[in-house]
């Protein structure tokens, strides 16, 4: 039995740590930065997707990452109208500046997503 007493919590903690470990391995950063990169990238992606697509992606995420994904979400006005790569990257740069992280780091999250969702 897990230390939490509930197997689902043990599993989601493990899966979340695997995702963060993968980001850390690709980027070469600490856990706190991996968390910030994951959070910022998922929020930018979430706001770029339709509400239906947002739900479809969320359903494939580990439970704790799903909570992070929906943190502060307001579906009003979604998806945002960023239609060009540079617009999306500009949003990522602004988000990364809050954490003093290189704006190219979100690529790691897309690699982890590619391995973890369909």
PDB file of N, CA and C in Angstrom:
ATOM      1  N   UNK A   1       0.849  -1.179   0.000  1.00  0.00           N
ATOM      2  CA  UNK A   1       0.000   0.000   0.000  1.00  0.00           C
ATOM      3  C   UNK A   1       0.892   1.239   0.000  1.00  0.00           C
ATOM      4  N   UNK A   2       0.469   2.289  -0.657  1.00  0.00           N
ATOM      5  CA  UNK A   2       1.248   3.521  -0.719  1.00  0.00           C
ATOM      6  C   UNK A   2       1.194   4.263   0.608  1.00  0.00           C
ATOM      7  N   UNK A   3       2.097   5.221   0.782  1.00  0.00           N
ATOM      8  CA  UNK A   3       2.145   5.995   2.019  1.00  0.00           C
ATOM      9  C   UNK A   3       0.927   6.893   2.176  1.00  0.00           C
ATOM     10  N   UNK A   4       0.248   7.236   1.090  1.00  0.00           N
ATOM     11  CA  UNK A   4      -0.955   8.074   1.178  1.00  0.00           C
ATOM     12  C   UNK A   4      -2.187   7.263   1.538  1.00  0.00           C
ATOM     13  N   UNK A   5      -2.105   5.957   1.374  1.00  0.00           N
ATOM     14  CA  UNK A   5      -3.261   5.120   1.652  1.00  0.00           C
ATOM     15  C   UNK A   5      -4.174   4.969   0.452  1.00  0.00           C
ATOM     16  N   UNK A   6      -3.968   5.766  -0.571  1.00  0.00           N
ATOM     17  CA  UNK A   6      -4.776   5.682  -1.786  1.00  0.00           C
ATOM     18  C   UNK A   6      -3.843   5.486  -2.982  1.00  0.00           C
ATOM     19  N   UNK A   7      -3.999   4.386  -3.642  1.00  0.00           N
ATOM     20  CA  UNK A   7      -3.114   4.041  -4.754  1.00  0.00           C
ATOM     21  C   UNK A   7      -3.143   5.081  -5.868  1.00  0.00           C
ATOM     22  N   UNK A   8      -4.310   5.683  -6.124  1.00  0.00           N
ATOM     23  CA  UNK A   8      -4.386   6.655  -7.224  1.00  0.00           C
ATOM     24  C   UNK A   8      -3.488   7.863  -6.960  1.00  0.00           C
ATOM     25  N   UNK A   9      -3.346   8.276  -5.699  1.00  0.00           N
ATOM     26  CA  UNK A   9      -2.460   9.390  -5.377  1.00  0.00           C
ATOM     27  C   UNK A   9      -1.000   8.985  -5.567  1.00  0.00           C
ATOM     28  N   UNK A  10      -0.689   7.785  -5.173  1.00  0.00           N
ATOM     29  CA  UNK A  10       0.671   7.274  -5.366  1.00  0.00           C
ATOM     30  C   UNK A  10       1.016   7.245  -6.856  1.00  0.00           C
ATOM     31  N   UNK A  11       0.103   6.741  -7.671  1.00  0.00           N
ATOM     32  CA  UNK A  11       0.340   6.653  -9.119  1.00  0.00           C
ATOM     33  C   UNK A  11       0.511   8.034  -9.746  1.00  0.00           C
ATOM     34  N   UNK A  12      -0.354   8.999  -9.376  1.00  0.00           N
ATOM     35  CA  UNK A  12      -0.250  10.313  -9.999  1.00  0.00           C
ATOM     36  C   UNK A  12       1.000  11.047  -9.544  1.00  0.00           C
ATOM     37  N   UNK A  13       1.408  10.853  -8.301  1.00  0.00           N
ATOM     38  CA  UNK A  13       2.674  11.437  -7.844  1.00  0.00           C
ATOM     39  C   UNK A  13       3.834  10.867  -8.648  1.00  0.00           C
ATOM     40  N   UNK A  14       3.806   9.560  -8.855  1.00  0.00           N
ATOM     41  CA  UNK A  14       4.864   8.917  -9.635  1.00  0.00           C
ATOM     42  C   UNK A  14       4.877   9.439 -11.075  1.00  0.00           C
ATOM     43  N   UNK A  15       3.713   9.472 -11.714  1.00  0.00           N
ATOM     44  CA  UNK A  15       3.635   9.941 -13.101  1.00  0.00           C
ATOM     45  C   UNK A  15       4.072  11.405 -13.224  1.00  0.00           C
ATOM     46  N   UNK A  16       3.668  12.227 -12.266  1.00  0.00           N
ATOM     47  CA  UNK A  16       4.056  13.641 -12.291  1.00  0.00           C
ATOM     48  C   UNK A  16       5.563  13.772 -12.148  1.00  0.00           C
ATOM     49  N   UNK A  17       6.148  12.998 -11.244  1.00  0.00           N
ATOM     50  CA  UNK A  17       7.599  13.035 -11.084  1.00  0.00           C
ATOM     51  C   UNK A  17       8.319  12.560 -12.337  1.00  0.00           C
ATOM     52  N   UNK A  18       7.770  11.571 -13.017  1.00  0.00           N
ATOM     53  CA  UNK A  18       8.366  11.103 -14.273  1.00  0.00           C
ATOM     54  C   UNK A  18       8.345  12.236 -15.301  1.00  0.00           C
ATOM     55  N   UNK A  19       7.220  12.922 -15.433  1.00  0.00           N
ATOM     56  CA  UNK A  19       7.125  14.036 -16.390  1.00  0.00           C
ATOM     57  C   UNK A  19       8.140  15.118 -16.036  1.00  0.00           C
ATOM     58  N   UNK A  20       8.201  15.499 -14.757  1.00  0.00           N
ATOM     59  CA  UNK A  20       9.150  16.542 -14.340  1.00  0.00           C
ATOM     60  C   UNK A  20      10.590  16.075 -14.526  1.00  0.00           C
ATOM     61  N   UNK A  21      10.880  14.812 -14.219  1.00  0.00           N
ATOM     62  CA  UNK A  21      12.218  14.265 -14.441  1.00  0.00           C
ATOM     63  C   UNK A  21      12.587  14.317 -15.918  1.00  0.00           C
ATOM     64  N   UNK A  22      11.626  14.015 -16.781  1.00  0.00           N
ATOM     65  CA  UNK A  22      11.886  14.067 -18.223  1.00  0.00           C
ATOM     66  C   UNK A  22      12.198  15.491 -18.676  1.00  0.00           C
ATOM     67  N   UNK A  23      11.440  16.470 -18.190  1.00  0.00           N
ATOM     68  CA  UNK A  23      11.721  17.868 -18.531  1.00  0.00           C
ATOM     69  C   UNK A  23      13.103  18.250 -18.005  1.00  0.00           C
ATOM     70  N   UNK A  24      13.400  17.883 -16.765  1.00  0.00           N
ATOM     71  CA  UNK A  24      14.712  18.201 -16.191  1.00  0.00           C
ATOM     72  C   UNK A  24      15.828  17.570 -17.009  1.00  0.00           C
ATOM     73  N   UNK A  25      15.631  16.338 -17.451  1.00  0.00           N
ATOM     74  CA  UNK A  25      16.646  15.645 -18.236  1.00  0.00           C
ATOM     75  C   UNK A  25      16.892  16.294 -19.581  1.00  0.00           C
ATOM     76  N   UNK A  26      15.850  16.747 -20.230  1.00  0.00           N
ATOM     77  CA  UNK A  26      15.988  17.385 -21.542  1.00  0.00           C
ATOM     78  C   UNK A  26      16.607  18.767 -21.408  1.00  0.00           C
ATOM     79  N   UNK A  27      16.142  19.532 -20.433  1.00  0.00           N
ATOM     80  CA  UNK A  27      16.572  20.922 -20.275  1.00  0.00           C
ATOM     81  C   UNK A  27      17.870  21.026 -19.487  1.00  0.00           C
ATOM     82  N   UNK A  28      18.077  20.113 -18.533  1.00  0.00           N
ATOM     83  CA  UNK A  28      19.236  20.211 -17.658  1.00  0.00           C
ATOM     84  C   UNK A  28      19.009  21.253 -16.577  1.00  0.00           C
ATOM     85  N   UNK A  29      17.861  21.162 -15.913  1.00  0.00           N
ATOM     86  CA  UNK A  29      17.499  22.160 -14.907  1.00  0.00           C
ATOM     87  C   UNK A  29      17.080  21.472 -13.617  1.00  0.00           C
ATOM     88  N   UNK A  30      16.740  22.265 -12.628  1.00  0.00           N
ATOM     89  CA  UNK A  30      16.252  21.767 -11.344  1.00  0.00           C
ATOM     90  C   UNK A  30      14.735  21.571 -11.403  1.00  0.00           C
ATOM     91  N   UNK A  31      14.204  20.884 -10.405  1.00  0.00           N
ATOM     92  CA  UNK A  31      12.774  20.577 -10.340  1.00  0.00           C
ATOM     93  C   UNK A  31      11.909  21.835 -10.395  1.00  0.00           C
ATOM     94  N   UNK A  32      12.300  22.879  -9.679  1.00  0.00           N
ATOM     95  CA  UNK A  32      11.505  24.115  -9.651  1.00  0.00           C
ATOM     96  C   UNK A  32      11.397  24.731 -11.047  1.00  0.00           C
ATOM     97  N   UNK A  33      12.495  24.742 -11.796  1.00  0.00           N
ATOM     98  CA  UNK A  33      12.451  25.272 -13.157  1.00  0.00           C
ATOM     99  C   UNK A  33      11.639  24.368 -14.075  1.00  0.00           C
ATOM    100  N   UNK A  34      11.771  23.048 -13.895  1.00  0.00           N
ATOM    101  CA  UNK A  34      10.988  22.113 -14.714  1.00  0.00           C
ATOM    102  C   UNK A  34       9.496  22.342 -14.484  1.00  0.00           C
ATOM    103  N   UNK A  35       9.122  22.563 -13.236  1.00  0.00           N
ATOM    104  CA  UNK A  35       7.724  22.849 -12.913  1.00  0.00           C
ATOM    105  C   UNK A  35       7.271  24.136 -13.609  1.00  0.00           C
ATOM    106  N   UNK A  36       8.073  25.185 -13.541  1.00  0.00           N
ATOM    107  CA  UNK A  36       7.717  26.471 -14.162  1.00  0.00           C
ATOM    108  C   UNK A  36       7.602  26.340 -15.672  1.00  0.00           C
ATOM    109  N   UNK A  37       8.510  25.603 -16.270  1.00  0.00           N
ATOM    110  CA  UNK A  37       8.482  25.395 -17.727  1.00  0.00           C
ATOM    111  C   UNK A  37       7.238  24.602 -18.113  1.00  0.00           C
ATOM    112  N   UNK A  38       6.957  23.547 -17.379  1.00  0.00           N
ATOM    113  CA  UNK A  38       5.767  22.732 -17.648  1.00  0.00           C
ATOM    114  C   UNK A  38       4.502  23.569 -17.506  1.00  0.00           C
ATOM    115  N   UNK A  39       4.399  24.313 -16.438  1.00  0.00           N
ATOM    116  CA  UNK A  39       3.217  25.138 -16.171  1.00  0.00           C
ATOM    117  C   UNK A  39       3.005  26.176 -17.270  1.00  0.00           C
ATOM    118  N   UNK A  40       4.040  26.937 -17.580  1.00  0.00           N
ATOM    119  CA  UNK A  40       3.920  28.007 -18.575  1.00  0.00           C
ATOM    120  C   UNK A  40       3.565  27.447 -19.950  1.00  0.00           C
ATOM    121  N   UNK A  41       4.187  26.352 -20.317  1.00  0.00           N
ATOM    122  CA  UNK A  41       3.934  25.766 -21.632  1.00  0.00           C
ATOM    123  C   UNK A  41       2.523  25.206 -21.725  1.00  0.00           C
ATOM    124  N   UNK A  42       2.096  24.492 -20.688  1.00  0.00           N
ATOM    125  CA  UNK A  42       0.746  23.939 -20.702  1.00  0.00           C
ATOM    126  C   UNK A  42      -0.312  25.036 -20.726  1.00  0.00           C
ATOM    127  N   UNK A  43      -0.091  26.127 -20.004  1.00  0.00           N
ATOM    128  CA  UNK A  43      -1.062  27.224 -20.012  1.00  0.00           C
ATOM    129  C   UNK A  43      -1.136  27.885 -21.384  1.00  0.00           C
ATOM    130  N   UNK A  44       0.007  28.103 -22.013  1.00  0.00           N
ATOM    131  CA  UNK A  44      -0.002  28.706 -23.351  1.00  0.00           C
ATOM    132  C   UNK A  44      -0.690  27.780 -24.351  1.00  0.00           C
ATOM    133  N   UNK A  45      -0.401  26.500 -24.269  1.00  0.00           N
ATOM    134  CA  UNK A  45      -1.030  25.528 -25.166  1.00  0.00           C
ATOM    135  C   UNK A  45      -2.530  25.448 -24.916  1.00  0.00           C
ATOM    136  N   UNK A  46      -2.913  25.367 -23.662  1.00  0.00           N
ATOM    137  CA  UNK A  46      -4.330  25.281 -23.274  1.00  0.00           C
ATOM    138  C   UNK A  46      -5.130  26.451 -23.831  1.00  0.00           C
ATOM    139  N   UNK A  47      -4.573  27.639 -23.740  1.00  0.00           N
ATOM    140  CA  UNK A  47      -5.285  28.827 -24.197  1.00  0.00           C
ATOM    141  C   UNK A  47      -5.323  28.933 -25.718  1.00  0.00           C
ATOM    142  N   UNK A  48      -4.509  28.163 -26.397  1.00  0.00           N
ATOM    143  CA  UNK A  48      -4.458  28.156 -27.863  1.00  0.00           C
ATOM    144  C   UNK A  48      -5.432  27.143 -28.456  1.00  0.00           C
ATOM    145  N   UNK A  49      -5.850  26.169 -27.623  1.00  0.00           N
ATOM    146  CA  UNK A  49      -6.752  25.113 -28.075  1.00  0.00           C
ATOM    147  C   UNK A  49      -8.208  25.525 -27.899  1.00  0.00           C
ATOM    148  N   UNK A  50      -9.085  24.884 -28.663  1.00  0.00           N
ATOM    149  CA  UNK A  50     -10.521  25.077 -28.440  1.00  0.00           C
ATOM    150  C   UNK A  50     -10.872  24.452 -27.086  1.00  0.00           C
ATOM    151  N   UNK A  51     -12.033  24.791 -26.568  1.00  0.00           N
ATOM    152  CA  UNK A  51     -12.463  24.232 -25.287  1.00  0.00           C
ATOM    153  C   UNK A  51     -12.542  22.705 -25.388  1.00  0.00           C
ATOM    154  N   UNK A  52     -13.060  22.192 -26.495  1.00  0.00           N
ATOM    155  CA  UNK A  52     -13.153  20.739 -26.680  1.00  0.00           C
ATOM    156  C   UNK A  52     -11.766  20.097 -26.691  1.00  0.00           C
ATOM    157  N   UNK A  53     -10.831  20.686 -27.433  1.00  0.00           N
ATOM    158  CA  UNK A  53      -9.472  20.148 -27.492  1.00  0.00           C
ATOM    159  C   UNK A  53      -8.779  20.238 -26.134  1.00  0.00           C
ATOM    160  N   UNK A  54      -9.068  21.314 -25.398  1.00  0.00           N
ATOM    161  CA  UNK A  54      -8.503  21.469 -24.059  1.00  0.00           C
ATOM    162  C   UNK A  54      -8.923  20.304 -23.174  1.00  0.00           C
ATOM    163  N   UNK A  55     -10.195  19.954 -23.227  1.00  0.00           N
ATOM    164  CA  UNK A  55     -10.693  18.818 -22.447  1.00  0.00           C
ATOM    165  C   UNK A  55     -10.113  17.498 -22.904  1.00  0.00           C
ATOM    166  N   UNK A  56      -9.961  17.331 -24.213  1.00  0.00           N
ATOM    167  CA  UNK A  56      -9.412  16.078 -24.733  1.00  0.00           C
ATOM    168  C   UNK A  56      -7.968  15.883 -24.289  1.00  0.00           C
ATOM    169  N   UNK A  57      -7.179  16.953 -24.316  1.00  0.00           N
ATOM    170  CA  UNK A  57      -5.802  16.849 -23.845  1.00  0.00           C
ATOM    171  C   UNK A  57      -5.772  16.596 -22.338  1.00  0.00           C
ATOM    172  N   UNK A  58      -6.586  17.316 -21.596  1.00  0.00           N
ATOM    173  CA  UNK A  58      -6.610  17.167 -20.137  1.00  0.00           C
ATOM    174  C   UNK A  58      -6.905  15.729 -19.727  1.00  0.00           C
ATOM    175  N   UNK A  59      -7.787  15.073 -20.451  1.00  0.00           N
ATOM    176  CA  UNK A  59      -8.166  13.705 -20.113  1.00  0.00           C
ATOM    177  C   UNK A  59      -6.990  12.738 -20.195  1.00  0.00           C
ATOM    178  N   UNK A  60      -5.943  13.101 -20.921  1.00  0.00           N
ATOM    179  CA  UNK A  60      -4.784  12.231 -21.089  1.00  0.00           C
ATOM    180  C   UNK A  60      -3.638  12.558 -20.132  1.00  0.00           C
ATOM    181  N   UNK A  61      -3.773  13.640 -19.380  1.00  0.00           N
ATOM    182  CA  UNK A  61      -2.707  14.068 -18.482  1.00  0.00           C
ATOM    183  C   UNK A  61      -2.812  13.361 -17.129  1.00  0.00           C
ATOM    184  N   UNK A  62      -1.674  13.124 -16.486  1.00  0.00           N
ATOM    185  CA  UNK A  62      -1.739  12.623 -15.108  1.00  0.00           C
ATOM    186  C   UNK A  62      -2.533  13.607 -14.239  1.00  0.00           C
ATOM    187  N   UNK A  63      -3.198  13.104 -13.219  1.00  0.00           N
ATOM    188  CA  UNK A  63      -4.132  13.905 -12.433  1.00  0.00           C
ATOM    189  C   UNK A  63      -3.498  15.205 -11.906  1.00  0.00           C
ATOM    190  N   UNK A  64      -2.319  15.152 -11.327  1.00  0.00           N
ATOM    191  CA  UNK A  64      -1.711  16.370 -10.785  1.00  0.00           C
ATOM    192  C   UNK A  64      -1.336  17.362 -11.884  1.00  0.00           C
ATOM    193  N   UNK A  65      -0.898  16.864 -13.009  1.00  0.00           N
ATOM    194  CA  UNK A  65      -0.570  17.751 -14.118  1.00  0.00           C
ATOM    195  C   UNK A  65      -1.851  18.350 -14.696  1.00  0.00           C
ATOM    196  N   UNK A  66      -2.928  17.605 -14.662  1.00  0.00           N
ATOM    197  CA  UNK A  66      -4.232  18.121 -15.104  1.00  0.00           C
ATOM    198  C   UNK A  66      -4.663  19.307 -14.228  1.00  0.00           C
ATOM    199  N   UNK A  67      -4.447  19.193 -12.933  1.00  0.00           N
ATOM    200  CA  UNK A  67      -4.771  20.299 -12.019  1.00  0.00           C
ATOM    201  C   UNK A  67      -3.944  21.524 -12.388  1.00  0.00           C
ATOM    202  N   UNK A  68      -2.659  21.324 -12.633  1.00  0.00           N
ATOM    203  CA  UNK A  68      -1.770  22.408 -13.046  1.00  0.00           C
ATOM    204  C   UNK A  68      -2.241  23.016 -14.367  1.00  0.00           C
ATOM    205  N   UNK A  69      -2.626  22.169 -15.286  1.00  0.00           N
ATOM    206  CA  UNK A  69      -3.093  22.579 -16.613  1.00  0.00           C
ATOM    207  C   UNK A  69      -4.304  23.509 -16.520  1.00  0.00           C
ATOM    208  N   UNK A  70      -5.249  23.185 -15.648  1.00  0.00           N
ATOM    209  CA  UNK A  70      -6.468  23.983 -15.533  1.00  0.00           C
ATOM    210  C   UNK A  70      -6.356  25.144 -14.552  1.00  0.00           C
ATOM    211  N   UNK A  71      -5.246  25.254 -13.834  1.00  0.00           N
ATOM    212  CA  UNK A  71      -5.065  26.314 -12.849  1.00  0.00           C
ATOM    213  C   UNK A  71      -5.313  27.692 -13.473  1.00  0.00           C
ATOM    214  N   UNK A  72      -6.272  28.413 -12.916  1.00  0.00           N
ATOM    215  CA  UNK A  72      -6.559  29.771 -13.359  1.00  0.00           C
ATOM    216  C   UNK A  72      -7.218  29.899 -14.723  1.00  0.00           C
ATOM    217  N   UNK A  73      -7.698  28.796 -15.281  1.00  0.00           N
ATOM    218  CA  UNK A  73      -8.249  28.824 -16.640  1.00  0.00           C
ATOM    219  C   UNK A  73      -9.607  29.498 -16.678  1.00  0.00           C
ATOM    220  N   UNK A  74      -9.762  30.364 -17.649  1.00  0.00           N
ATOM    221  CA  UNK A  74     -11.050  30.992 -17.954  1.00  0.00           C
ATOM    222  C   UNK A  74     -11.314  30.738 -19.430  1.00  0.00           C
ATOM    223  N   UNK A  75     -12.276  29.895 -19.764  1.00  0.00           N
ATOM    224  CA  UNK A  75     -12.506  29.548 -21.169  1.00  0.00           C
ATOM    225  C   UNK A  75     -13.081  30.686 -22.015  1.00  0.00           C
ATOM    226  N   UNK A  76     -13.447  31.804 -21.377  1.00  0.00           N
ATOM    227  CA  UNK A  76     -13.980  32.942 -22.112  1.00  0.00           C
ATOM    228  C   UNK A  76     -12.938  33.434 -23.116  1.00  0.00           C
ATOM    229  N   UNK A  77     -13.359  33.587 -24.361  1.00  0.00           N
ATOM    230  CA  UNK A  77     -12.469  34.117 -25.391  1.00  0.00           C
ATOM    231  C   UNK A  77     -11.417  33.144 -25.877  1.00  0.00           C
ATOM    232  N   UNK A  78     -11.614  31.856 -25.615  1.00  0.00           N
ATOM    233  CA  UNK A  78     -10.650  30.849 -26.056  1.00  0.00           C
ATOM    234  C   UNK A  78     -11.192  30.132 -27.276  1.00  0.00           C
ATOM    235  N   UNK A  79     -10.349  29.779 -28.183  1.00  0.00           N
ATOM    236  CA  UNK A  79      -8.901  29.911 -28.124  1.00  0.00           C
ATOM    237  C   UNK A  79      -8.446  31.336 -28.452  1.00  0.00           C
ATOM    238  N   UNK A  80      -7.254  31.674 -27.949  1.00  0.00           N
ATOM    239  CA  UNK A  80      -6.685  32.973 -28.286  1.00  0.00           C
ATOM    240  C   UNK A  80      -6.373  32.973 -29.775  1.00  0.00           C
ATOM    241  N   UNK A  81      -6.259  34.132 -30.343  1.00  0.00           N
ATOM    242  CA  UNK A  81      -6.118  34.248 -31.798  1.00  0.00           C
ATOM    243  C   UNK A  81      -4.673  34.291 -32.274  1.00  0.00           C
ATOM    244  N   UNK A  82      -3.773  33.613 -31.570  1.00  0.00           N
ATOM    245  CA  UNK A  82      -2.379  33.523 -32.011  1.00  0.00           C
ATOM    246  C   UNK A  82      -2.310  32.538 -33.170  1.00  0.00           C
ATOM    247  N   UNK A  83      -2.085  33.028 -34.359  1.00  0.00           N
ATOM    248  CA  UNK A  83      -2.117  32.168 -35.540  1.00  0.00           C
ATOM    249  C   UNK A  83      -0.723  31.895 -36.113  1.00  0.00           C
ATOM    250  N   UNK A  84       0.268  32.578 -35.585  1.00  0.00           N
ATOM    251  CA  UNK A  84       1.617  32.414 -36.112  1.00  0.00           C
ATOM    252  C   UNK A  84       2.551  31.918 -35.017  1.00  0.00           C
ATOM    253  N   UNK A  85       3.540  31.184 -35.435  1.00  0.00           N
ATOM    254  CA  UNK A  85       4.524  30.628 -34.502  1.00  0.00           C
ATOM    255  C   UNK A  85       5.130  31.720 -33.627  1.00  0.00           C
ATOM    256  N   UNK A  86       5.469  32.845 -34.210  1.00  0.00           N
ATOM    257  CA  UNK A  86       6.103  33.931 -33.455  1.00  0.00           C
ATOM    258  C   UNK A  86       5.179  34.508 -32.392  1.00  0.00           C
ATOM    259  N   UNK A  87       3.876  34.548 -32.662  1.00  0.00           N
ATOM    260  CA  UNK A  87       2.921  35.018 -31.653  1.00  0.00           C
ATOM    261  C   UNK A  87       2.918  34.074 -30.446  1.00  0.00           C
ATOM    262  N   UNK A  88       2.886  32.780 -30.734  1.00  0.00           N
ATOM    263  CA  UNK A  88       2.894  31.783 -29.663  1.00  0.00           C
ATOM    264  C   UNK A  88       4.201  31.853 -28.881  1.00  0.00           C
ATOM    265  N   UNK A  89       5.320  31.942 -29.598  1.00  0.00           N
ATOM    266  CA  UNK A  89       6.619  32.020 -28.927  1.00  0.00           C
ATOM    267  C   UNK A  89       6.750  33.304 -28.124  1.00  0.00           C
ATOM    268  N   UNK A  90       6.147  34.389 -28.614  1.00  0.00           N
ATOM    269  CA  UNK A  90       6.161  35.640 -27.862  1.00  0.00           C
ATOM    270  C   UNK A  90       5.438  35.483 -26.538  1.00  0.00           C
ATOM    271  N   UNK A  91       4.329  34.796 -26.567  1.00  0.00           N
ATOM    272  CA  UNK A  91       3.599  34.523 -25.322  1.00  0.00           C
ATOM    273  C   UNK A  91       4.455  33.693 -24.380  1.00  0.00           C
ATOM    274  N   UNK A  92       5.139  32.688 -24.942  1.00  0.00           N
ATOM    275  CA  UNK A  92       6.009  31.838 -24.124  1.00  0.00           C
ATOM    276  C   UNK A  92       7.153  32.659 -23.523  1.00  0.00           C
ATOM    277  N   UNK A  93       7.730  33.545 -24.302  1.00  0.00           N
ATOM    278  CA  UNK A  93       8.823  34.395 -23.787  1.00  0.00           C
ATOM    279  C   UNK A  93       8.355  35.232 -22.600  1.00  0.00           C
ATOM    280  N   UNK A  94       7.182  35.818 -22.737  1.00  0.00           N
ATOM    281  CA  UNK A  94       6.647  36.642 -21.635  1.00  0.00           C
ATOM    282  C   UNK A  94       6.424  35.797 -20.377  1.00  0.00           C
ATOM    283  N   UNK A  95       5.899  34.605 -20.571  1.00  0.00           N
ATOM    284  CA  UNK A  95       5.656  33.721 -19.425  1.00  0.00           C
ATOM    285  C   UNK A  95       6.978  33.272 -18.801  1.00  0.00           C
ATOM    286  N   UNK A  96       7.950  32.942 -19.624  1.00  0.00           N
ATOM    287  CA  UNK A  96       9.233  32.474 -19.119  1.00  0.00           C
ATOM    288  C   UNK A  96      10.001  33.580 -18.399  1.00  0.00           C
ATOM    289  N   UNK A  97       9.842  34.823 -18.851  1.00  0.00           N
ATOM    290  CA  UNK A  97      10.524  35.945 -18.199  1.00  0.00           C
ATOM    291  C   UNK A  97      10.115  36.058 -16.736  1.00  0.00           C
ATOM    292  N   UNK A  98       8.887  35.698 -16.425  1.00  0.00           N
ATOM    293  CA  UNK A  98       8.418  35.724 -15.032  1.00  0.00           C
ATOM    294  C   UNK A  98       9.261  34.811 -14.153  1.00  0.00           C
ATOM    295  N   UNK A  99       9.802  33.746 -14.747  1.00  0.00           N
ATOM    296  CA  UNK A  99      10.581  32.772 -13.997  1.00  0.00           C
ATOM    297  C   UNK A  99      12.073  32.847 -14.310  1.00  0.00           C
ATOM    298  N   UNK A 100      12.478  33.827 -15.139  1.00  0.00           N
ATOM    299  CA  UNK A 100      13.879  33.983 -15.534  1.00  0.00           C
ATOM    300  C   UNK A 100      14.407  32.695 -16.181  1.00  0.00           C
ATOM    301  N   UNK A 101      13.637  32.183 -17.151  1.00  0.00           N
ATOM    302  CA  UNK A 101      13.974  30.936 -17.840  1.00  0.00           C
ATOM    303  C   UNK A 101      14.081  31.218 -19.335  1.00  0.00           C
ATOM    304  N   UNK A 102      15.026  30.575 -19.976  1.00  0.00           N
ATOM    305  CA  UNK A 102      15.222  30.681 -21.418  1.00  0.00           C
ATOM    306  C   UNK A 102      13.932  30.300 -22.142  1.00  0.00           C
ATOM    307  N   UNK A 103      13.417  31.187 -23.011  1.00  0.00           N
ATOM    308  CA  UNK A 103      12.139  30.905 -23.676  1.00  0.00           C
ATOM    309  C   UNK A 103      12.171  29.744 -24.660  1.00  0.00           C
ATOM    310  N   UNK A 104      13.321  29.197 -24.948  1.00  0.00           N
ATOM    311  CA  UNK A 104      13.376  28.024 -25.827  1.00  0.00           C
ATOM    312  C   UNK A 104      13.090  26.733 -25.058  1.00  0.00           C
ATOM    313  N   UNK A 105      13.017  26.784 -23.763  1.00  0.00           N
ATOM    314  CA  UNK A 105      12.835  25.596 -22.935  1.00  0.00           C
ATOM    315  C   UNK A 105      11.503  24.873 -23.135  1.00  0.00           C
ATOM    316  N   UNK A 106      10.425  25.536 -23.544  1.00  0.00           N
ATOM    317  CA  UNK A 106       9.160  24.798 -23.724  1.00  0.00           C
ATOM    318  C   UNK A 106       9.239  23.637 -24.701  1.00  0.00           C
ATOM    319  N   UNK A 107      10.229  23.617 -25.559  1.00  0.00           N
ATOM    320  CA  UNK A 107      10.371  22.483 -26.477  1.00  0.00           C
ATOM    321  C   UNK A 107      10.452  21.172 -25.713  1.00  0.00           C
ATOM    322  N   UNK A 108      11.054  21.209 -24.531  1.00  0.00           N
ATOM    323  CA  UNK A 108      11.155  20.007 -23.703  1.00  0.00           C
ATOM    324  C   UNK A 108       9.770  19.487 -23.339  1.00  0.00           C
ATOM    325  N   UNK A 109       8.855  20.387 -23.030  1.00  0.00           N
ATOM    326  CA  UNK A 109       7.499  19.973 -22.659  1.00  0.00           C
ATOM    327  C   UNK A 109       6.807  19.314 -23.844  1.00  0.00           C
ATOM    328  N   UNK A 110       7.008  19.849 -25.025  1.00  0.00           N
ATOM    329  CA  UNK A 110       6.390  19.243 -26.206  1.00  0.00           C
ATOM    330  C   UNK A 110       6.952  17.847 -26.468  1.00  0.00           C
ATOM    331  N   UNK A 111       8.237  17.631 -26.163  1.00  0.00           N
ATOM    332  CA  UNK A 111       8.809  16.300 -26.290  1.00  0.00           C
ATOM    333  C   UNK A 111       8.168  15.342 -25.279  1.00  0.00           C
ATOM    334  N   UNK A 112       8.000  15.812 -24.044  1.00  0.00           N
ATOM    335  CA  UNK A 112       7.375  14.985 -23.006  1.00  0.00           C
ATOM    336  C   UNK A 112       5.920  14.707 -23.362  1.00  0.00           C
ATOM    337  N   UNK A 113       5.206  15.722 -23.850  1.00  0.00           N
ATOM    338  CA  UNK A 113       3.808  15.529 -24.273  1.00  0.00           C
ATOM    339  C   UNK A 113       3.716  14.498 -25.396  1.00  0.00           C
ATOM    340  N   UNK A 114       4.630  14.574 -26.353  1.00  0.00           N
ATOM    341  CA  UNK A 114       4.613  13.642 -27.471  1.00  0.00           C
ATOM    342  C   UNK A 114       4.755  12.197 -26.998  1.00  0.00           C
ATOM    343  N   UNK A 115       5.476  11.994 -25.907  1.00  0.00           N
ATOM    344  CA  UNK A 115       5.657  10.653 -25.364  1.00  0.00           C
ATOM    345  C   UNK A 115       4.532  10.226 -24.434  1.00  0.00           C
ATOM    346  N   UNK A 116       3.754  11.217 -23.893  1.00  0.00           N
ATOM    347  CA  UNK A 116       2.778  10.883 -22.874  1.00  0.00           C
ATOM    348  C   UNK A 116       1.327  10.946 -23.289  1.00  0.00           C
ATOM    349  N   UNK A 117       1.023  11.570 -24.425  1.00  0.00           N
ATOM    350  CA  UNK A 117      -0.373  11.679 -24.879  1.00  0.00           C
ATOM    351  C   UNK A 117      -0.454  11.367 -26.360  1.00  0.00           C
ATOM    352  N   UNK A 118      -1.668  11.056 -26.808  1.00  0.00           N
ATOM    353  CA  UNK A 118      -1.842  10.739 -28.237  1.00  0.00           C
ATOM    354  C   UNK A 118      -2.237  11.975 -29.015  1.00  0.00           C
TER     355      UNK A 118
END
